[in-house]
Amino acid sequence: MSTLRTQITNDMKQAMKDKETIKLATLRMVNAALKDKDIEIRVAGEGEVSDTDVLTVLQKMLKQREESEKTYRDNGRPELADKEKAEMDVINAYMPKQLDAAELDAAVDKAISQSGAEGPRDMGKVMAYLKEHYAGQINMGSVSGVVKGKL
């Protein structure tokens, strides 16, 4: 079992003891998503869930909550938006530090040189390198514009 997943499980048990309802509910959702990922990987015959897989699942959950929060705020439902924000805070506790602009720029340059990318048609290689080496540290949706600009 990955170390990050073990930490999530232990924190879920502690949240039960401390009666932290929002944290407990959020960590249960995370565990359910990780079990789905377990099944997906087992069916593909790829072994077990790694920390990178856990970070990918967490990043996906964060994106879903960000979209939901925005929708709720736009439609005058602040109580639901606040709930989504609280869930994002719990999930963010397990994410690594996000790269700042200078670090992101350097990471993209390194990815371009390491992947041997020569033009825009090689963008997939660069994105795959970034996803593999910087999982959870960068927002893959926002980095695509930077990669396009450099290629």
N, C-alpha and C. Protein backbone atom coordinates (compact mmCIF):
# COMPACT_ATOMS: atom_id res chain seq x y z
N MET A 1 0.86 -1.18 0.00
CA MET A 1 0.00 0.00 0.00
C MET A 1 0.90 1.24 0.00
N SER A 2 0.52 2.24 -0.77
CA SER A 2 1.33 3.46 -0.86
C SER A 2 1.33 4.21 0.47
N THR A 3 2.38 4.96 0.71
CA THR A 3 2.49 5.69 1.98
C THR A 3 1.41 6.76 2.09
N LEU A 4 1.09 7.40 0.99
CA LEU A 4 0.05 8.43 1.01
C LEU A 4 -1.31 7.82 1.33
N ARG A 5 -1.57 6.66 0.76
CA ARG A 5 -2.84 5.99 1.02
C ARG A 5 -2.93 5.55 2.48
N THR A 6 -1.83 5.08 3.03
CA THR A 6 -1.79 4.68 4.44
C THR A 6 -2.09 5.89 5.32
N GLN A 7 -1.50 7.03 4.97
CA GLN A 7 -1.74 8.25 5.74
C GLN A 7 -3.22 8.66 5.68
N ILE A 8 -3.82 8.55 4.52
CA ILE A 8 -5.24 8.89 4.36
C ILE A 8 -6.10 7.98 5.23
N THR A 9 -5.80 6.68 5.21
CA THR A 9 -6.55 5.72 6.01
C THR A 9 -6.41 6.01 7.50
N ASN A 10 -5.18 6.29 7.93
CA ASN A 10 -4.96 6.59 9.35
C ASN A 10 -5.66 7.89 9.75
N ASP A 11 -5.63 8.89 8.89
CA ASP A 11 -6.31 10.15 9.19
C ASP A 11 -7.83 9.97 9.23
N MET A 12 -8.34 9.05 8.40
CA MET A 12 -9.77 8.78 8.42
C MET A 12 -10.17 8.15 9.76
N LYS A 13 -9.36 7.24 10.25
CA LYS A 13 -9.63 6.61 11.55
C LYS A 13 -9.59 7.66 12.66
N GLN A 14 -8.62 8.57 12.58
CA GLN A 14 -8.51 9.63 13.59
C GLN A 14 -9.70 10.58 13.51
N ALA A 15 -10.16 10.88 12.31
CA ALA A 15 -11.33 11.75 12.13
C ALA A 15 -12.57 11.11 12.74
N MET A 16 -12.65 9.78 12.67
CA MET A 16 -13.78 9.07 13.29
C MET A 16 -13.72 9.25 14.80
N LYS A 17 -12.54 9.08 15.36
CA LYS A 17 -12.38 9.21 16.81
C LYS A 17 -12.66 10.64 17.27
N ASP A 18 -12.21 11.62 16.47
CA ASP A 18 -12.37 13.03 16.83
C ASP A 18 -13.74 13.59 16.44
N LYS A 19 -14.55 12.77 15.77
CA LYS A 19 -15.88 13.18 15.32
C LYS A 19 -15.85 14.41 14.41
N GLU A 20 -14.87 14.45 13.50
CA GLU A 20 -14.75 15.51 12.51
C GLU A 20 -15.54 15.07 11.28
N THR A 21 -16.81 15.47 11.20
CA THR A 21 -17.72 14.93 10.19
C THR A 21 -17.31 15.28 8.76
N ILE A 22 -16.92 16.51 8.50
CA ILE A 22 -16.58 16.89 7.12
C ILE A 22 -15.32 16.17 6.67
N LYS A 23 -14.31 16.15 7.54
CA LYS A 23 -13.06 15.47 7.20
C LYS A 23 -13.31 13.98 6.98
N LEU A 24 -14.10 13.39 7.85
CA LEU A 24 -14.41 11.96 7.73
C LEU A 24 -15.14 11.66 6.43
N ALA A 25 -16.15 12.44 6.12
CA ALA A 25 -16.92 12.22 4.89
C ALA A 25 -16.04 12.38 3.66
N THR A 26 -15.18 13.39 3.67
CA THR A 26 -14.30 13.64 2.53
C THR A 26 -13.30 12.50 2.36
N LEU A 27 -12.71 12.06 3.46
CA LEU A 27 -11.73 10.97 3.37
C LEU A 27 -12.39 9.65 2.97
N ARG A 28 -13.64 9.47 3.33
CA ARG A 28 -14.37 8.28 2.87
C ARG A 28 -14.57 8.34 1.36
N MET A 29 -14.89 9.55 0.84
CA MET A 29 -15.02 9.71 -0.62
C MET A 29 -13.69 9.42 -1.31
N VAL A 30 -12.61 9.91 -0.73
CA VAL A 30 -11.28 9.67 -1.29
C VAL A 30 -10.99 8.17 -1.31
N ASN A 31 -11.27 7.50 -0.21
CA ASN A 31 -11.04 6.05 -0.14
C ASN A 31 -11.86 5.30 -1.17
N ALA A 32 -13.10 5.72 -1.38
CA ALA A 32 -13.94 5.07 -2.38
C ALA A 32 -13.35 5.26 -3.78
N ALA A 33 -12.87 6.47 -4.07
CA ALA A 33 -12.26 6.73 -5.37
C ALA A 33 -10.98 5.90 -5.54
N LEU A 34 -10.23 5.73 -4.46
CA LEU A 34 -9.01 4.93 -4.53
C LEU A 34 -9.33 3.45 -4.73
N LYS A 35 -10.42 2.99 -4.15
CA LYS A 35 -10.83 1.60 -4.38
C LYS A 35 -11.23 1.39 -5.84
N ASP A 36 -11.89 2.38 -6.42
CA ASP A 36 -12.21 2.30 -7.85
C ASP A 36 -10.93 2.22 -8.68
N LYS A 37 -9.93 3.01 -8.30
CA LYS A 37 -8.64 3.00 -9.00
C LYS A 37 -7.96 1.64 -8.81
N ASP A 38 -8.09 1.05 -7.62
CA ASP A 38 -7.57 -0.29 -7.37
C ASP A 38 -8.13 -1.28 -8.37
N ILE A 39 -9.42 -1.25 -8.53
CA ILE A 39 -10.11 -2.18 -9.43
C ILE A 39 -9.64 -1.95 -10.86
N GLU A 40 -9.56 -0.68 -11.26
CA GLU A 40 -9.12 -0.33 -12.61
C GLU A 40 -7.70 -0.88 -12.88
N ILE A 41 -6.82 -0.71 -11.93
CA ILE A 41 -5.44 -1.18 -12.10
C ILE A 41 -5.36 -2.70 -12.07
N ARG A 42 -6.13 -3.31 -11.20
CA ARG A 42 -6.13 -4.77 -11.10
C ARG A 42 -6.64 -5.40 -12.40
N VAL A 43 -7.68 -4.82 -12.98
CA VAL A 43 -8.23 -5.34 -14.22
C VAL A 43 -7.20 -5.20 -15.35
N ALA A 44 -6.45 -4.09 -15.34
CA ALA A 44 -5.43 -3.87 -16.36
C ALA A 44 -4.18 -4.71 -16.11
N GLY A 45 -4.09 -5.32 -14.92
CA GLY A 45 -2.95 -6.16 -14.58
C GLY A 45 -1.66 -5.39 -14.34
N GLU A 46 -1.77 -4.18 -13.79
CA GLU A 46 -0.61 -3.31 -13.61
C GLU A 46 -0.07 -3.28 -12.19
N GLY A 47 -0.48 -4.16 -11.32
CA GLY A 47 0.05 -4.17 -9.95
C GLY A 47 -0.91 -3.51 -8.98
N GLU A 48 -0.37 -2.56 -8.19
CA GLU A 48 -1.23 -1.88 -7.21
C GLU A 48 -1.07 -0.37 -7.31
N VAL A 49 -1.92 0.35 -6.60
CA VAL A 49 -1.97 1.80 -6.66
C VAL A 49 -0.71 2.40 -6.04
N SER A 50 -0.06 3.30 -6.79
CA SER A 50 1.15 3.97 -6.30
C SER A 50 0.79 5.35 -5.78
N ASP A 51 1.75 6.03 -5.17
CA ASP A 51 1.52 7.40 -4.70
C ASP A 51 1.15 8.32 -5.86
N THR A 52 1.73 8.09 -7.03
CA THR A 52 1.40 8.90 -8.21
C THR A 52 -0.06 8.72 -8.59
N ASP A 53 -0.55 7.48 -8.52
CA ASP A 53 -1.97 7.22 -8.81
C ASP A 53 -2.86 7.92 -7.79
N VAL A 54 -2.45 7.88 -6.52
CA VAL A 54 -3.23 8.54 -5.46
C VAL A 54 -3.29 10.04 -5.74
N LEU A 55 -2.15 10.64 -6.10
CA LEU A 55 -2.13 12.07 -6.39
C LEU A 55 -3.00 12.41 -7.59
N THR A 56 -3.01 11.55 -8.59
CA THR A 56 -3.85 11.76 -9.76
C THR A 56 -5.33 11.76 -9.37
N VAL A 57 -5.71 10.81 -8.54
CA VAL A 57 -7.10 10.73 -8.07
C VAL A 57 -7.46 11.98 -7.26
N LEU A 58 -6.55 12.39 -6.36
CA LEU A 58 -6.81 13.58 -5.55
C LEU A 58 -6.93 14.83 -6.41
N GLN A 59 -6.08 14.94 -7.42
CA GLN A 59 -6.14 16.10 -8.30
C GLN A 59 -7.46 16.14 -9.06
N LYS A 60 -7.93 14.99 -9.49
CA LYS A 60 -9.21 14.91 -10.20
C LYS A 60 -10.35 15.33 -9.26
N MET A 61 -10.29 14.86 -8.01
CA MET A 61 -11.33 15.22 -7.04
C MET A 61 -11.31 16.72 -6.75
N LEU A 62 -10.12 17.30 -6.67
CA LEU A 62 -10.02 18.74 -6.44
C LEU A 62 -10.66 19.52 -7.59
N LYS A 63 -10.36 19.09 -8.79
CA LYS A 63 -10.91 19.79 -9.97
C LYS A 63 -12.45 19.72 -9.97
N GLN A 64 -12.98 18.55 -9.62
CA GLN A 64 -14.44 18.40 -9.57
C GLN A 64 -15.03 19.35 -8.53
N ARG A 65 -14.40 19.45 -7.38
CA ARG A 65 -14.91 20.32 -6.32
C ARG A 65 -14.78 21.79 -6.67
N GLU A 66 -13.70 22.16 -7.36
CA GLU A 66 -13.55 23.55 -7.79
C GLU A 66 -14.68 23.95 -8.74
N GLU A 67 -14.99 23.05 -9.68
CA GLU A 67 -16.06 23.32 -10.63
C GLU A 67 -17.41 23.40 -9.92
N SER A 68 -17.64 22.49 -8.98
CA SER A 68 -18.89 22.50 -8.23
C SER A 68 -19.03 23.75 -7.39
N GLU A 69 -17.94 24.15 -6.74
CA GLU A 69 -17.98 25.36 -5.91
C GLU A 69 -18.35 26.57 -6.76
N LYS A 70 -17.73 26.69 -7.92
CA LYS A 70 -18.01 27.83 -8.81
C LYS A 70 -19.47 27.81 -9.25
N THR A 71 -19.96 26.64 -9.62
CA THR A 71 -21.36 26.51 -10.05
C THR A 71 -22.32 26.91 -8.93
N TYR A 72 -22.05 26.41 -7.72
CA TYR A 72 -22.91 26.74 -6.58
C TYR A 72 -22.88 28.24 -6.28
N ARG A 73 -21.71 28.85 -6.33
CA ARG A 73 -21.61 30.29 -6.07
C ARG A 73 -22.35 31.09 -7.14
N ASP A 74 -22.19 30.68 -8.40
CA ASP A 74 -22.86 31.37 -9.50
C ASP A 74 -24.37 31.27 -9.42
N ASN A 75 -24.86 30.20 -8.79
CA ASN A 75 -26.30 29.97 -8.72
C ASN A 75 -26.89 30.29 -7.35
N GLY A 76 -26.15 31.05 -6.55
CA GLY A 76 -26.69 31.53 -5.28
C GLY A 76 -26.87 30.47 -4.22
N ARG A 77 -25.98 29.49 -4.17
CA ARG A 77 -26.05 28.44 -3.15
C ARG A 77 -24.75 28.45 -2.33
N PRO A 78 -24.54 29.49 -1.53
CA PRO A 78 -23.27 29.61 -0.80
C PRO A 78 -23.03 28.49 0.22
N GLU A 79 -24.09 27.93 0.78
CA GLU A 79 -23.90 26.86 1.76
C GLU A 79 -23.30 25.61 1.11
N LEU A 80 -23.72 25.30 -0.12
CA LEU A 80 -23.16 24.16 -0.83
C LEU A 80 -21.75 24.46 -1.32
N ALA A 81 -21.52 25.70 -1.72
CA ALA A 81 -20.18 26.11 -2.15
C ALA A 81 -19.20 26.02 -0.99
N ASP A 82 -19.65 26.40 0.21
CA ASP A 82 -18.78 26.32 1.39
C ASP A 82 -18.44 24.87 1.72
N LYS A 83 -19.40 23.97 1.51
CA LYS A 83 -19.15 22.54 1.75
C LYS A 83 -18.09 22.02 0.78
N GLU A 84 -18.19 22.42 -0.47
CA GLU A 84 -17.20 22.01 -1.47
C GLU A 84 -15.82 22.56 -1.11
N LYS A 85 -15.78 23.79 -0.64
CA LYS A 85 -14.52 24.43 -0.24
C LYS A 85 -13.90 23.68 0.94
N ALA A 86 -14.71 23.28 1.89
CA ALA A 86 -14.21 22.53 3.05
C ALA A 86 -13.62 21.19 2.60
N GLU A 87 -14.27 20.53 1.64
CA GLU A 87 -13.76 19.27 1.12
C GLU A 87 -12.43 19.50 0.39
N MET A 88 -12.34 20.60 -0.36
CA MET A 88 -11.08 20.92 -1.05
C MET A 88 -9.95 21.13 -0.05
N ASP A 89 -10.25 21.78 1.08
CA ASP A 89 -9.23 22.02 2.10
C ASP A 89 -8.70 20.70 2.65
N VAL A 90 -9.58 19.73 2.87
CA VAL A 90 -9.17 18.42 3.38
C VAL A 90 -8.28 17.72 2.35
N ILE A 91 -8.69 17.73 1.09
CA ILE A 91 -7.94 17.05 0.04
C ILE A 91 -6.59 17.73 -0.18
N ASN A 92 -6.57 19.06 -0.14
CA ASN A 92 -5.32 19.80 -0.36
C ASN A 92 -4.25 19.46 0.67
N ALA A 93 -4.65 19.01 1.84
CA ALA A 93 -3.68 18.64 2.88
C ALA A 93 -2.78 17.49 2.44
N TYR A 94 -3.22 16.71 1.47
CA TYR A 94 -2.46 15.55 1.00
C TYR A 94 -1.69 15.82 -0.30
N MET A 95 -1.87 17.01 -0.85
CA MET A 95 -1.21 17.36 -2.10
C MET A 95 0.16 17.98 -1.82
N PRO A 96 1.13 17.70 -2.70
CA PRO A 96 2.44 18.34 -2.52
C PRO A 96 2.35 19.83 -2.86
N LYS A 97 3.38 20.57 -2.49
CA LYS A 97 3.44 22.00 -2.75
C LYS A 97 3.39 22.23 -4.27
N GLN A 98 2.55 23.16 -4.69
CA GLN A 98 2.43 23.49 -6.10
C GLN A 98 3.65 24.29 -6.56
N LEU A 99 4.08 24.05 -7.78
CA LEU A 99 5.22 24.78 -8.33
C LEU A 99 4.83 26.24 -8.60
N ASP A 100 5.75 27.17 -8.30
CA ASP A 100 5.49 28.57 -8.65
C ASP A 100 5.85 28.78 -10.12
N ALA A 101 5.67 29.99 -10.62
CA ALA A 101 5.84 30.27 -12.05
C ALA A 101 7.26 29.95 -12.54
N ALA A 102 8.27 30.33 -11.77
CA ALA A 102 9.66 30.09 -12.18
C ALA A 102 9.97 28.59 -12.19
N GLU A 103 9.50 27.87 -11.15
CA GLU A 103 9.73 26.44 -11.09
C GLU A 103 9.00 25.71 -12.21
N LEU A 104 7.79 26.18 -12.52
CA LEU A 104 7.00 25.59 -13.61
C LEU A 104 7.72 25.78 -14.94
N ASP A 105 8.24 26.98 -15.15
CA ASP A 105 8.96 27.28 -16.38
C ASP A 105 10.18 26.37 -16.52
N ALA A 106 10.92 26.19 -15.44
CA ALA A 106 12.10 25.32 -15.46
C ALA A 106 11.69 23.86 -15.70
N ALA A 107 10.59 23.43 -15.09
CA ALA A 107 10.11 22.06 -15.26
C ALA A 107 9.71 21.80 -16.71
N VAL A 108 9.06 22.77 -17.35
CA VAL A 108 8.66 22.62 -18.75
C VAL A 108 9.90 22.55 -19.64
N ASP A 109 10.90 23.42 -19.37
CA ASP A 109 12.14 23.39 -20.15
C ASP A 109 12.82 22.02 -20.02
N LYS A 110 12.88 21.50 -18.81
CA LYS A 110 13.49 20.19 -18.57
C LYS A 110 12.71 19.10 -19.30
N ALA A 111 11.39 19.17 -19.24
CA ALA A 111 10.55 18.16 -19.89
C ALA A 111 10.76 18.18 -21.40
N ILE A 112 10.90 19.37 -21.97
CA ILE A 112 11.11 19.49 -23.41
C ILE A 112 12.45 18.86 -23.79
N SER A 113 13.50 19.17 -23.02
CA SER A 113 14.81 18.63 -23.36
C SER A 113 14.87 17.11 -23.11
N GLN A 114 14.28 16.64 -22.01
CA GLN A 114 14.33 15.21 -21.68
C GLN A 114 13.51 14.36 -22.64
N SER A 115 12.40 14.91 -23.12
CA SER A 115 11.53 14.13 -24.01
C SER A 115 11.97 14.23 -25.47
N GLY A 116 12.88 15.14 -25.77
CA GLY A 116 13.35 15.31 -27.15
C GLY A 116 12.32 15.97 -28.05
N ALA A 117 11.43 16.75 -27.47
CA ALA A 117 10.38 17.42 -28.24
C ALA A 117 11.00 18.48 -29.14
N GLU A 118 10.49 18.56 -30.37
CA GLU A 118 11.02 19.51 -31.34
C GLU A 118 9.98 20.51 -31.81
N GLY A 119 8.71 20.20 -31.65
CA GLY A 119 7.67 21.11 -32.13
C GLY A 119 6.35 20.80 -31.47
N PRO A 120 5.32 21.53 -31.90
CA PRO A 120 3.99 21.36 -31.30
C PRO A 120 3.43 19.94 -31.39
N ARG A 121 3.84 19.19 -32.39
CA ARG A 121 3.31 17.82 -32.52
C ARG A 121 3.86 16.89 -31.43
N ASP A 122 4.93 17.33 -30.73
CA ASP A 122 5.51 16.53 -29.65
C ASP A 122 4.97 16.93 -28.28
N MET A 123 3.89 17.70 -28.26
CA MET A 123 3.34 18.18 -26.99
C MET A 123 2.94 17.02 -26.07
N GLY A 124 2.45 15.94 -26.63
CA GLY A 124 2.04 14.78 -25.84
C GLY A 124 3.20 14.18 -25.05
N LYS A 125 4.39 14.14 -25.67
CA LYS A 125 5.57 13.61 -24.98
C LYS A 125 5.91 14.48 -23.77
N VAL A 126 5.87 15.79 -23.97
CA VAL A 126 6.20 16.72 -22.89
C VAL A 126 5.18 16.60 -21.76
N MET A 127 3.91 16.56 -22.10
CA MET A 127 2.85 16.46 -21.08
C MET A 127 2.97 15.14 -20.31
N ALA A 128 3.30 14.07 -21.01
CA ALA A 128 3.47 12.77 -20.34
C ALA A 128 4.64 12.82 -19.36
N TYR A 129 5.72 13.46 -19.76
CA TYR A 129 6.88 13.60 -18.86
C TYR A 129 6.49 14.41 -17.63
N LEU A 130 5.80 15.52 -17.83
CA LEU A 130 5.39 16.36 -16.71
C LEU A 130 4.46 15.60 -15.77
N LYS A 131 3.53 14.86 -16.33
CA LYS A 131 2.56 14.12 -15.51
C LYS A 131 3.27 13.05 -14.68
N GLU A 132 4.27 12.42 -15.27
CA GLU A 132 4.99 11.36 -14.57
C GLU A 132 5.89 11.91 -13.47
N HIS A 133 6.58 13.01 -13.73
CA HIS A 133 7.58 13.51 -12.80
C HIS A 133 7.09 14.60 -11.85
N TYR A 134 5.96 15.22 -12.17
CA TYR A 134 5.47 16.32 -11.34
C TYR A 134 4.01 16.12 -10.95
N ALA A 135 3.61 14.88 -10.74
CA ALA A 135 2.23 14.56 -10.39
C ALA A 135 1.82 15.29 -9.12
N GLY A 136 0.72 15.99 -9.20
CA GLY A 136 0.19 16.70 -8.03
C GLY A 136 0.81 18.05 -7.79
N GLN A 137 1.93 18.35 -8.45
CA GLN A 137 2.61 19.62 -8.22
C GLN A 137 2.21 20.69 -9.23
N ILE A 138 1.62 20.27 -10.34
CA ILE A 138 1.19 21.23 -11.35
C ILE A 138 -0.21 20.89 -11.83
N ASN A 139 -0.93 21.92 -12.22
CA ASN A 139 -2.25 21.75 -12.81
C ASN A 139 -2.04 21.49 -14.29
N MET A 140 -2.30 20.27 -14.73
CA MET A 140 -2.02 19.88 -16.11
C MET A 140 -2.83 20.71 -17.11
N GLY A 141 -3.98 21.19 -16.74
CA GLY A 141 -4.79 22.01 -17.64
C GLY A 141 -4.17 23.36 -17.90
N SER A 142 -3.59 23.96 -16.87
CA SER A 142 -3.00 25.28 -17.04
C SER A 142 -1.60 25.24 -17.63
N VAL A 143 -0.90 24.11 -17.48
CA VAL A 143 0.46 24.02 -17.99
C VAL A 143 0.50 23.82 -19.50
N SER A 144 -0.59 23.36 -20.08
CA SER A 144 -0.59 23.11 -21.52
C SER A 144 -0.31 24.38 -22.33
N GLY A 145 -0.82 25.50 -21.87
CA GLY A 145 -0.56 26.77 -22.55
C GLY A 145 0.92 27.14 -22.52
N VAL A 146 1.57 26.88 -21.39
CA VAL A 146 3.00 27.15 -21.26
C VAL A 146 3.79 26.25 -22.21
N VAL A 147 3.42 24.98 -22.27
CA VAL A 147 4.11 24.04 -23.16
C VAL A 147 3.93 24.45 -24.62
N LYS A 148 2.71 24.82 -25.00
CA LYS A 148 2.46 25.26 -26.38
C LYS A 148 3.32 26.46 -26.73
N GLY A 149 3.41 27.40 -25.80
CA GLY A 149 4.20 28.61 -26.04
C GLY A 149 5.68 28.31 -26.24
N LYS A 150 6.19 27.32 -25.55
CA LYS A 150 7.62 26.99 -25.64
C LYS A 150 7.94 26.11 -26.86
N LEU A 151 6.94 25.39 -27.34
CA LEU A 151 7.18 24.53 -28.52
C LEU A 151 6.93 25.34 -29.77
